[in-house]
Protein backbone atom coordinates (compact mmCIF):
# COMPACT_ATOMS: atom_id res chain seq x y z
CA MET A 1 91.28 190.65 158.98
CA ALA A 2 90.98 186.88 158.60
CA GLU A 3 93.87 184.73 157.49
CA SER A 4 94.13 183.84 153.84
CA LEU A 5 93.74 180.28 152.59
CA ALA A 6 97.50 180.08 151.99
CA GLU A 7 98.23 181.22 155.57
CA LEU A 8 95.85 178.62 156.99
CA GLN A 9 97.46 175.92 154.87
CA ASP A 10 100.95 177.02 156.01
CA GLN A 11 99.80 176.86 159.64
CA LEU A 12 98.44 173.34 159.11
CA ILE A 13 101.67 172.18 157.47
CA ALA A 14 103.75 173.59 160.35
CA LEU A 15 101.41 172.01 162.91
CA ASN A 16 101.55 168.63 161.16
CA LYS A 17 105.36 168.70 161.11
CA SER A 18 105.63 169.65 164.77
CA ARG A 19 103.06 167.13 165.92
CA GLY A 20 104.65 164.39 163.84
CA SER A 21 108.03 165.04 165.45
CA GLY A 22 106.62 165.15 168.98
CA VAL A 23 107.27 168.89 169.44
CA ARG A 24 104.52 170.93 171.12
CA SER A 25 105.46 174.32 169.72
CA VAL A 26 104.69 175.55 166.22
CA SER A 27 106.16 178.54 164.40
CA TYR A 28 104.77 179.94 161.17
CA MET A 29 104.68 183.18 159.19
CA ALA A 30 101.51 185.26 159.13
CA ARG A 31 101.48 188.61 157.35
CA GLY A 32 105.25 188.85 157.47
CA VAL A 33 105.49 188.13 161.21
CA THR A 34 106.76 184.89 162.72
CA ARG A 35 104.26 183.56 165.24
CA THR A 36 104.87 180.76 167.71
CA VAL A 37 102.18 178.76 169.48
CA GLU A 38 102.87 176.44 172.44
CA TYR A 39 100.38 173.60 172.92
CA ARG A 40 99.80 171.90 176.28
CA SER A 41 99.08 168.45 174.90
CA ASP A 42 98.85 166.30 171.80
CA THR A 43 95.06 166.43 172.17
CA GLU A 44 95.15 170.22 171.95
CA MET A 45 97.31 169.98 168.82
CA ARG A 46 94.88 167.49 167.23
CA GLU A 47 92.00 169.87 167.99
CA ALA A 48 93.94 172.71 166.35
CA GLN A 49 94.53 170.52 163.28
CA ASN A 50 90.81 169.76 163.06
CA ASP A 51 89.96 173.46 163.40
CA LEU A 52 92.41 174.44 160.67
CA GLN A 53 91.08 171.70 158.38
CA ARG A 54 87.50 172.98 158.89
CA ARG A 55 88.55 176.56 158.20
CA ILE A 56 90.46 175.54 155.07
CA ALA A 57 87.48 173.52 153.80
CA ALA A 58 85.17 176.48 154.39
CA ARG A 59 87.46 178.75 152.34
CA GLN A 60 87.59 176.15 149.56
CA GLY A 61 83.82 175.95 149.33
CA GLY A 62 83.30 173.28 151.96
CA GLY A 63 82.50 170.53 149.43
CA GLY A 64 81.88 168.10 152.29
CA ARG A 65 85.27 166.47 151.87
CA THR A 66 87.15 165.56 155.03
CA ILE A 67 90.87 165.05 155.12
CA LYS A 68 92.21 163.16 158.09
CA ILE A 69 95.84 163.48 158.98
CA SER A 70 97.53 161.24 161.48
CA SER A 71 101.05 161.00 162.71
CA SER A 72 103.10 158.48 164.59
CA LYS A 73 106.33 158.50 166.48
CA GLY A 74 107.17 155.19 164.83
CA LEU A 75 105.85 152.90 167.54
CA ASN A 76 102.99 150.52 167.05
CA HIS A 77 100.75 149.89 170.03
CA GLY A 78 101.95 146.28 170.19
CA ASP A 79 105.68 147.10 170.06
CA GLU A 80 107.72 146.48 173.15
CA LEU A 81 110.10 149.16 174.32
């Protein structure tokens, strides 16, 4: 059985929080069970975000709207460490 819209949205929220904090693991509830996913890289997490956004849009009727989410660890590319 496919995940509900609410479950997909919860997964995306959890992924956004983890990615924004620099953590590569994500835990979320799905059908009463806590699931944890470990990602190998930030790129893999971004791809998962894009996939979830596509799946959410499809469940909402797809209306052609794209939502882009970005995160930062608080450093600008020009900042010196």
